[in-house]
Protein backbone atom coordinates (compact mmCIF):
# COMPACT_ATOMS: atom_id res chain seq x y z
CA MET A 1 -26.21 -18.37 2.51
CA LEU A 2 -28.14 -18.41 -0.76
CA GLU A 3 -28.36 -14.62 -0.59
CA LEU A 4 -24.57 -14.35 -0.32
CA ALA A 5 -24.10 -16.63 -3.33
CA ILE A 6 -26.53 -14.49 -5.35
CA VAL A 7 -24.71 -11.31 -4.31
CA VAL A 8 -21.28 -12.67 -5.27
CA GLY A 9 -22.56 -14.09 -8.56
CA LEU A 10 -24.26 -10.82 -9.52
CA LEU A 11 -21.19 -8.75 -8.63
CA LEU A 12 -18.82 -10.98 -10.62
CA LEU A 13 -21.22 -10.99 -13.59
CA ILE A 14 -21.22 -7.19 -13.66
CA LEU A 15 -17.47 -6.85 -13.16
CA VAL A 16 -16.57 -9.24 -16.01
CA THR A 17 -18.28 -6.81 -18.40
CA GLY A 18 -15.30 -4.51 -17.87
CA LEU A 19 -17.22 -1.89 -15.92
CA PRO A 20 -15.04 0.08 -13.46
CA VAL A 21 -15.15 -1.43 -9.97
CA ALA A 22 -16.71 1.68 -8.41
CA PHE A 23 -19.69 1.58 -10.79
CA GLY A 24 -19.87 -2.21 -10.61
CA LEU A 25 -20.31 -2.08 -6.85
CA GLY A 26 -22.87 0.71 -7.08
CA ILE A 27 -24.95 -0.98 -9.79
CA THR A 28 -24.87 -4.29 -7.93
CA ALA A 29 -26.10 -2.54 -4.78
CA VAL A 30 -28.93 -0.82 -6.69
CA LEU A 31 -30.05 -4.07 -8.33
CA LEU A 32 -30.02 -5.92 -5.00
CA ALA A 33 -31.99 -3.12 -3.37
CA LEU A 34 -34.62 -3.19 -6.14
CA ILE A 35 -34.87 -6.99 -6.10
CA ASN A 36 -35.39 -7.01 -2.32
CA GLY A 37 -37.77 -4.06 -2.28
CA ILE A 38 -35.39 -1.79 -0.37
CA PRO A 39 -36.24 1.93 -0.82
CA LEU A 40 -33.39 3.91 -2.39
CA GLY A 41 -33.97 7.03 -0.32
CA PHE A 42 -30.78 6.40 1.65
CA VAL A 43 -28.50 6.73 -1.41
CA GLY A 44 -27.86 10.46 -1.00
CA ILE A 45 -27.00 10.31 2.69
CA THR A 46 -24.84 7.22 2.05
CA VAL A 47 -22.74 9.12 -0.49
CA LEU A 48 -22.21 11.95 2.00
CA GLU A 49 -21.44 9.58 4.88
CA SER A 50 -18.87 7.62 2.85
CA LEU A 51 -16.64 10.67 2.35
CA ASN A 52 -17.42 12.60 5.55
CA SER A 53 -14.33 11.50 7.44
CA SER A 54 -11.36 13.49 8.68
CA THR A 55 -9.30 10.30 8.42
CA LEU A 56 -10.00 10.01 4.69
CA MET A 57 -8.67 13.54 4.19
CA ALA A 58 -5.20 12.04 4.56
CA VAL A 59 -5.65 10.04 1.33
CA PRO A 60 -5.62 12.94 -1.18
CA LEU A 61 -2.95 14.73 0.86
CA PHE A 62 -0.58 11.76 0.68
CA ILE A 63 -1.44 11.25 -3.01
CA PHE A 64 -0.60 14.87 -3.81
CA MET A 65 2.60 14.57 -1.79
CA SER A 66 3.65 11.48 -3.74
CA GLN A 67 3.03 13.34 -7.03
CA VAL A 68 5.14 16.29 -5.86
CA LEU A 69 8.01 13.95 -4.98
CA LEU A 70 7.58 11.91 -8.16
CA ILE A 71 7.56 14.86 -10.55
CA GLY A 72 10.17 16.64 -8.42
CA ARG A 73 12.52 13.66 -8.92
CA VAL A 74 13.26 13.28 -5.21
CA GLY A 75 13.50 9.51 -5.73
CA ASP A 76 16.47 9.97 -8.07
CA GLN A 77 18.39 11.79 -5.37
CA LEU A 78 17.42 9.29 -2.67
CA PHE A 79 18.68 6.43 -4.83
CA GLU A 80 21.92 8.26 -5.55
CA THR A 81 22.53 8.84 -1.85
CA VAL A 82 21.70 5.29 -0.70
CA ASN A 83 23.71 3.84 -3.60
CA SER A 84 26.83 5.72 -2.49
CA TRP A 85 26.80 3.81 0.80
CA VAL A 86 26.20 0.26 -0.45
CA ARG A 87 27.13 0.09 -4.17
CA HIS A 88 30.49 -1.66 -3.58
CA LEU A 89 28.91 -4.54 -1.64
CA PRO A 90 27.92 -7.82 -3.31
CA GLY A 91 24.67 -7.00 -5.07
CA GLY A 92 25.11 -3.40 -3.95
CA LEU A 93 22.84 -1.90 -6.61
CA SER A 94 20.04 -4.34 -5.77
CA VAL A 95 20.38 -3.53 -2.05
CA ALA A 96 20.36 0.19 -2.88
CA THR A 97 17.15 -0.38 -4.84
CA VAL A 98 15.41 -2.10 -1.91
CA LEU A 99 16.57 0.51 0.62
CA SER A 100 15.55 3.36 -1.70
CA CYS A 101 12.09 1.79 -2.06
CA ALA A 102 11.84 1.59 1.73
CA VAL A 103 12.79 5.25 2.21
CA PHE A 104 10.45 6.45 -0.54
CA ALA A 105 7.69 4.21 0.85
CA ALA A 106 8.03 5.98 4.19
CA ILE A 107 7.31 9.23 2.37
CA THR A 108 4.45 8.51 -0.01
CA GLY A 109 2.25 5.58 1.13
CA SER A 110 1.77 4.46 -2.48
CA GLY A 111 3.06 1.21 -3.97
CA ALA A 112 2.70 2.38 -7.57
CA ALA A 113 4.49 5.69 -6.90
CA THR A 114 7.34 3.88 -5.15
CA ALA A 115 7.78 1.37 -8.00
CA ALA A 116 7.61 4.08 -10.67
CA THR A 117 9.96 6.53 -8.96
CA ILE A 118 12.73 4.14 -7.94
CA GLY A 119 12.26 1.97 -11.04
CA THR A 120 12.99 4.88 -13.37
CA VAL A 121 16.50 5.34 -12.02
CA ALA A 122 17.32 1.84 -10.68
CA TYR A 123 16.34 -0.25 -13.73
CA PRO A 124 18.88 1.19 -16.19
CA ALA A 125 21.56 1.25 -13.50
CA MET A 126 21.13 -2.46 -12.71
CA VAL A 127 20.71 -3.67 -16.29
CA ASN A 128 23.77 -1.71 -17.43
CA ARG A 129 25.77 -3.53 -14.74
CA SER A 130 24.74 -6.96 -16.07
CA TYR A 131 22.07 -7.74 -13.46
CA ASP A 132 19.59 -10.34 -14.68
CA GLN A 133 16.69 -8.48 -16.30
CA LYS A 134 13.89 -10.65 -14.89
CA PHE A 135 15.37 -10.46 -11.40
CA THR A 136 15.66 -6.66 -11.72
CA LEU A 137 12.04 -6.31 -12.83
CA GLY A 138 10.80 -8.58 -10.04
CA LEU A 139 12.86 -6.75 -7.42
CA LEU A 140 11.51 -3.36 -8.49
CA ALA A 141 7.91 -4.57 -8.53
CA CYS A 142 8.24 -6.20 -5.11
CA GLY A 143 10.16 -3.22 -3.71
CA GLY A 144 7.18 -1.08 -4.67
CA THR A 145 4.97 -3.09 -2.31
CA LEU A 146 6.84 -1.51 0.60
CA GLY A 147 4.92 1.64 -0.33
CA ILE A 148 1.73 0.36 1.30
CA LEU A 149 3.32 -1.48 4.23
CA ILE A 150 5.78 1.05 5.60
CA PRO A 151 3.70 3.97 6.91
CA PRO A 152 2.11 6.13 5.72
CA SER A 153 -0.13 3.63 3.92
CA ILE A 154 -3.23 4.44 1.89
CA PRO A 155 -4.84 0.98 2.42
CA MET A 156 -4.35 1.43 6.18
CA ILE A 157 -6.10 4.80 6.01
CA LEU A 158 -9.08 3.22 4.24
CA TYR A 159 -9.16 0.30 6.69
CA SER A 160 -9.08 2.71 9.65
CA SER A 161 -11.96 4.75 8.21
CA ILE A 162 -14.15 1.63 8.14
CA THR A 163 -13.19 0.00 11.43
CA ASP A 164 -12.49 3.10 13.54
CA ALA A 165 -9.19 1.45 14.49
CA SER A 166 -6.59 4.03 15.55
CA LEU A 167 -4.76 5.15 12.42
CA ASP A 168 -1.81 6.32 14.53
CA ARG A 169 -1.36 2.81 15.92
CA LEU A 170 -1.95 1.20 12.52
CA PHE A 171 0.81 3.28 10.97
CA ILE A 172 3.24 2.47 13.76
CA ALA A 173 2.24 -1.22 13.61
CA GLY A 174 3.51 -1.33 10.03
CA VAL A 175 7.01 -0.12 10.90
CA VAL A 176 8.56 -3.38 12.20
CA PRO A 177 7.00 -5.61 9.48
CA GLY A 178 8.06 -3.05 6.86
CA LEU A 179 11.66 -2.98 8.08
CA LEU A 180 11.70 -6.77 8.39
CA LEU A 181 10.49 -7.19 4.80
CA THR A 182 13.14 -4.69 3.68
CA LEU A 183 15.79 -6.83 5.39
CA ILE A 184 14.44 -10.05 3.85
CA LEU A 185 14.39 -8.55 0.35
CA SER A 186 17.91 -7.19 0.83
CA ILE A 187 19.23 -10.60 1.91
CA TYR A 188 17.54 -12.27 -1.06
CA ALA A 189 18.90 -9.58 -3.38
CA VAL A 190 22.47 -10.20 -2.17
CA TRP A 191 22.08 -13.99 -2.46
CA ARG A 192 20.55 -13.73 -5.93
CA SER A 193 23.12 -11.20 -7.11
CA ARG A 194 26.02 -13.44 -6.05
CA ARG A 195 24.80 -15.97 -8.62
CA GLY A 196 24.97 -13.42 -11.44
CA ALA A 197 27.89 -11.97 -13.37
CA PHE A 198 27.11 -8.39 -12.41
CA GLU A 199 29.79 -5.72 -12.57
CA PRO A 200 30.48 -4.26 -9.12
CA LEU A 201 30.78 -0.51 -8.71
CA PRO A 202 33.80 1.15 -7.08
CA LYS A 203 33.47 2.05 -3.43
CA ALA A 204 32.41 5.65 -2.86
CA GLY A 205 34.77 7.80 -0.83
CA TRP A 206 33.72 9.41 2.44
CA THR A 207 33.82 12.83 0.80
CA GLU A 208 31.31 11.76 -1.85
CA ARG A 209 29.06 10.05 0.70
CA ARG A 210 29.07 13.08 2.97
CA ARG A 211 28.39 15.45 0.07
CA LEU A 212 25.44 13.41 -1.23
CA THR A 213 23.97 12.78 2.22
CA LEU A 214 24.11 16.43 3.23
CA ARG A 215 22.70 17.55 -0.12
CA ASN A 216 19.80 15.15 0.13
CA LEU A 217 19.26 15.43 3.88
CA PRO A 218 16.01 17.43 3.47
CA GLY A 219 14.45 14.55 1.54
CA LEU A 220 15.77 11.96 3.98
CA LEU A 221 14.22 13.91 6.86
CA LEU A 222 10.71 13.76 5.41
CA PRO A 223 9.93 10.25 6.81
CA VAL A 224 11.29 11.40 10.18
CA VAL A 225 8.96 14.40 10.16
CA VAL A 226 5.87 12.40 9.14
CA ILE A 227 6.33 9.20 11.15
CA GLY A 228 8.12 10.85 14.06
CA GLY A 229 5.33 13.41 14.39
CA ILE A 230 2.70 10.65 14.47
CA TYR A 231 4.59 8.44 16.93
CA THR A 232 5.24 11.27 19.40
CA GLY A 233 1.68 12.53 19.15
CA ILE A 234 2.63 15.91 17.70
CA PHE A 235 0.52 15.26 14.58
CA THR A 236 -2.52 13.21 13.78
CA PRO A 237 -2.04 11.19 10.56
CA THR A 238 -4.11 13.73 8.63
CA GLU A 239 -2.09 16.62 10.02
CA ALA A 240 1.11 14.71 9.24
CA ALA A 241 -0.06 14.34 5.63
CA ALA A 242 -0.68 18.09 5.38
CA VAL A 243 2.71 18.91 6.94
CA GLY A 244 4.39 16.40 4.62
CA LEU A 245 2.77 17.94 1.56
CA VAL A 246 3.89 21.47 2.49
CA TYR A 247 7.39 20.20 3.35
CA SER A 248 7.67 18.27 0.06
CA LEU A 249 6.65 21.40 -1.90
CA PHE A 250 9.27 23.40 -0.01
CA ILE A 251 12.18 21.03 -0.64
CA THR A 252 11.35 20.41 -4.32
CA MET A 253 10.65 24.05 -5.21
CA VAL A 254 13.07 25.91 -2.92
CA ILE A 255 15.91 23.57 -1.94
CA TYR A 256 16.28 21.09 -4.82
CA ARG A 257 14.55 23.33 -7.40
CA THR A 258 13.42 20.28 -9.33
CA LEU A 259 9.78 21.36 -9.36
CA SER A 260 8.66 24.58 -11.01
CA ILE A 261 5.46 26.59 -10.82
CA ARG A 262 4.66 25.45 -14.37
CA GLN A 263 4.56 21.83 -13.20
CA ILE A 264 2.07 22.46 -10.38
CA PRO A 265 -0.98 22.05 -12.67
CA ARG A 266 0.37 18.63 -13.71
CA VAL A 267 0.84 17.68 -10.05
CA CYS A 268 -2.72 18.75 -9.29
CA LEU A 269 -4.18 16.94 -12.30
CA GLU A 270 -2.38 13.66 -11.55
CA GLY A 271 -3.23 13.85 -7.85
CA LEU A 272 -6.85 14.77 -8.52
CA THR A 273 -7.29 11.90 -10.99
CA THR A 274 -6.07 9.30 -8.50
CA SER A 275 -7.98 10.85 -5.59
CA CYS A 276 -11.24 10.92 -7.55
CA MET A 277 -10.79 7.29 -8.60
CA ILE A 278 -10.33 6.22 -4.98
CA GLY A 279 -13.22 8.45 -3.90
CA MET A 280 -15.58 6.82 -6.40
CA ILE A 281 -14.56 3.36 -5.19
CA ILE A 282 -15.17 4.45 -1.58
CA ILE A 283 -18.68 5.65 -2.49
CA GLY A 284 -19.51 2.47 -4.43
CA ALA A 285 -18.15 0.19 -1.70
CA HIS A 286 -19.94 2.11 1.06
CA PHE A 287 -23.23 1.91 -0.83
CA PHE A 288 -22.67 -1.82 -1.46
CA GLY A 289 -21.84 -2.39 2.22
CA LYS A 290 -24.98 -0.54 3.33
CA VAL A 291 -27.19 -2.80 1.22
CA MET A 292 -25.34 -5.88 2.54
CA THR A 293 -26.04 -4.73 6.10
CA ILE A 294 -29.74 -4.18 5.36
CA LEU A 295 -29.91 -7.68 3.88
CA GLY A 296 -28.22 -9.08 7.00
CA ILE A 297 -25.26 -10.65 5.14
CA PRO A 298 -22.62 -9.75 7.78
CA GLN A 299 -24.85 -11.11 10.53
CA GLN A 300 -25.34 -14.35 8.59
CA LEU A 301 -21.59 -14.73 8.12
CA THR A 302 -21.00 -14.13 11.82
CA ALA A 303 -23.61 -16.74 12.77
CA LEU A 304 -22.02 -19.22 10.35
CA VAL A 305 -18.59 -18.76 11.93
CA VAL A 306 -19.96 -19.06 15.47
CA GLU A 307 -22.10 -22.10 14.72
CA ASN A 308 -19.16 -23.95 13.17
CA ASN A 309 -16.87 -23.11 16.10
CA PHE A 310 -14.25 -21.36 13.98
CA SER A 311 -11.17 -20.45 15.98
CA PRO A 312 -9.60 -17.03 15.32
CA MET A 313 -6.69 -18.69 13.49
CA MET A 314 -9.00 -20.77 11.31
CA PHE A 315 -10.91 -17.65 10.37
CA ILE A 316 -7.73 -15.67 9.62
CA LEU A 317 -6.37 -18.42 7.40
CA THR A 318 -9.68 -18.72 5.56
CA ILE A 319 -10.08 -14.98 5.01
CA ASN A 320 -6.49 -14.65 3.82
CA LEU A 321 -7.04 -17.31 1.18
CA LEU A 322 -10.07 -15.33 0.04
CA LEU A 323 -8.07 -12.09 0.05
CA LEU A 324 -5.32 -13.66 -2.06
CA LEU A 325 -7.95 -14.73 -4.59
CA LEU A 326 -9.70 -11.35 -4.64
CA GLY A 327 -6.38 -9.53 -4.83
CA ALA A 328 -5.63 -11.29 -8.10
CA ILE A 329 -8.77 -9.97 -9.79
CA LEU A 330 -9.57 -6.67 -8.04
CA GLU A 331 -7.67 -3.50 -7.15
CA THR A 332 -6.25 -3.23 -3.64
CA VAL A 333 -8.55 -0.36 -2.66
CA SER A 334 -11.61 -2.33 -3.80
CA VAL A 335 -10.65 -5.44 -1.83
CA VAL A 336 -10.11 -3.47 1.40
CA LEU A 337 -13.38 -1.58 1.09
CA LEU A 338 -15.38 -4.61 -0.05
CA THR A 339 -14.31 -7.20 2.51
CA THR A 340 -13.72 -5.21 5.70
CA PRO A 341 -17.36 -4.23 6.43
CA LEU A 342 -18.47 -7.84 5.90
CA ILE A 343 -15.95 -9.43 8.26
CA LEU A 344 -15.83 -6.69 10.91
CA PRO A 345 -18.65 -8.25 13.01
CA ILE A 346 -16.86 -11.60 12.85
CA MET A 347 -13.63 -10.01 14.06
CA HIS A 348 -15.47 -8.53 17.02
CA SER A 349 -17.11 -11.86 17.89
CA LEU A 350 -13.74 -13.66 17.78
CA ASN A 351 -11.90 -10.87 19.66
CA ILE A 352 -9.37 -10.40 16.85
CA ASP A 353 -7.08 -7.41 17.35
CA PRO A 354 -8.05 -4.92 14.59
CA ILE A 355 -4.55 -3.39 14.56
CA TRP A 356 -2.91 -6.77 13.94
CA TYR A 357 -5.48 -7.70 11.32
CA GLY A 358 -4.93 -4.34 9.62
CA VAL A 359 -1.25 -5.22 9.14
CA VAL A 360 -2.13 -8.75 7.95
CA LEU A 361 -4.58 -7.26 5.45
CA THR A 362 -1.98 -4.77 4.21
CA VAL A 363 0.66 -7.47 3.69
CA ASN A 364 -1.92 -9.49 1.77
CA MET A 365 -2.69 -6.46 -0.39
CA ALA A 366 1.05 -5.98 -0.96
CA ILE A 367 1.06 -9.45 -2.51
CA ALA A 368 -1.92 -8.39 -4.63
CA LEU A 369 0.17 -5.56 -6.10
CA ILE A 370 2.46 -8.10 -7.79
CA THR A 371 -0.09 -10.85 -8.49
CA PRO A 372 -1.26 -11.18 -12.12
CA PRO A 373 -3.44 -10.36 -13.89
CA VAL A 374 -4.44 -7.14 -12.06
CA GLY A 375 -1.34 -6.38 -9.93
CA MET A 376 -0.76 -2.64 -10.30
CA ASP A 377 3.01 -2.77 -9.81
CA LEU A 378 3.34 -5.21 -12.73
CA TYR A 379 1.99 -2.61 -15.14
CA VAL A 380 3.98 0.22 -13.55
CA ILE A 381 7.23 -1.69 -14.08
CA LYS A 382 6.20 -2.74 -17.59
CA SER A 383 5.76 0.92 -18.50
CA LEU A 384 9.38 1.79 -17.62
CA ARG A 385 10.66 0.80 -21.06
CA ASP A 386 9.08 -0.11 -24.40
CA ASP A 387 11.10 -3.34 -24.61
CA ILE A 388 9.71 -4.72 -21.32
CA SER A 389 6.85 -7.21 -21.74
CA LEU A 390 4.26 -8.04 -19.12
CA SER A 391 5.15 -11.75 -19.32
CA MET A 392 8.76 -10.87 -18.51
CA VAL A 393 7.70 -8.91 -15.43
CA ILE A 394 5.41 -11.75 -14.28
CA ARG A 395 8.25 -14.29 -14.59
CA GLY A 396 10.46 -11.92 -12.62
CA VAL A 397 8.04 -11.54 -9.70
CA ALA A 398 7.31 -15.28 -9.35
CA PRO A 399 9.98 -15.94 -6.66
CA PHE A 400 9.05 -12.72 -4.88
CA ILE A 401 5.41 -13.84 -4.61
CA VAL A 402 6.70 -16.95 -2.80
CA ILE A 403 8.82 -14.78 -0.48
CA MET A 404 5.89 -12.45 0.23
CA THR A 405 3.54 -15.36 0.94
CA CYS A 406 6.02 -16.79 3.46
CA PHE A 407 6.33 -13.33 5.00
CA LEU A 408 2.53 -13.14 5.30
CA ALA A 409 2.57 -16.47 7.16
CA LEU A 410 5.21 -15.08 9.52
CA ILE A 411 3.11 -11.98 10.29
CA ILE A 412 0.09 -14.20 11.00
CA LEU A 413 1.98 -16.63 13.23
CA VAL A 414 3.91 -13.96 15.19
CA PRO A 415 1.40 -11.16 15.99
CA SER A 416 3.91 -9.38 18.24
CA LEU A 417 5.78 -8.23 15.13
CA SER A 418 2.80 -5.94 14.49
CA THR A 419 1.61 -5.18 18.02
CA TRP A 420 4.85 -4.59 19.95
CA LEU A 421 5.70 -1.09 18.72
CA PRO A 422 2.13 0.30 19.05
CA SER A 423 2.11 -0.91 22.65
CA LEU A 424 4.99 1.47 23.36
CA MET A 425 3.21 4.53 22.02
CA PRO A 426 2.64 7.36 24.50
CA VAL A 427 -0.74 7.67 26.17
CA LYS A 428 -2.61 10.95 25.99
CA GLY A 429 -5.66 11.61 28.11
CA GLY A 430 -5.74 7.99 29.22
CA VAL A 431 -6.06 6.76 25.63
CA ALA A 432 -3.24 5.32 23.51
CA LEU A 433 -2.60 7.50 20.51
């Protein structure tokens, strides 16, 4: 295990210099290859292999779709519609915020996009009604994590591309945990709101509810089109992403008219920037993983687990502690791409269900989104207003980190929450979709 210690030490030493993770992984892999006398002739083919995947095509498509919906202000209309149904209830605005995050999450697959879109409209609405500021910030940051748990989910796409686990089943496996977390956050929001001196909103009339729902029905149907198409087998996840992108362009440019031709270059630039960043991390992680395989690190880890008679549960608990630590210092994409190739042989040797583990990993990465100092959602929420400090957001998310950690334990202890719905998926050609 000396080799593993050297690898980890070298990687951390390079990353603390502030070098982007993608380049840090690549440079570490090159240095290890040179130190161990490994020829670098495989670099070119490794770069091509890392991106040559039809599954990965879904990533930029979902990213572009989220940018269309973000710039097209679809989240504003979703929040307005959901708010009309629940605003009169105790903590109605906070419940509307959670439910809006869940709906937008089912459209985009991005935690940051969900937090930014719903946060823009929900934060002033809640603060103006005397909701506690720290609670509001924490709720928005945690609500954003639904973006990677409720399908479609970009981390799940990356995990599927590495493990060859069915992306269709992974997406569907995230539905029940995503809805359960939405319910838990809603219950906590109501309980927490009852303790505050918030000003309740008047109950919306049926005429207003009907008007808003019908007006925003095209946006509300987008999750049905994407997830329903995947579940019934009409679309593959990549096809669903393409259909969702075209549909989102149609509703924002033709129906809502909130997106103009002039804004398309901005959509493309924002989407391209994020896609390229993820692509570079994929290349760096794939190169790093190839060198690890040549050095026999995964095989050594597997032998260590087998020799010490690790049970599947012992291994899962251990790896989740590691993931929580890595999630605090690395981006979600980096953690998924870095750890999965190393532990995949161990999962096979212990007969761990890759679909269930994919959901466990995603929930863990959802916690990483709100864990300082690197949690992406913390910085997204901080950027909503100039008077919001990072320390204020961190204090706000503290109780939500506890809730999310307990939820992670529940997903680990009750695997059927993740595996039940995929087991009901239709079978095509003798193979479950």
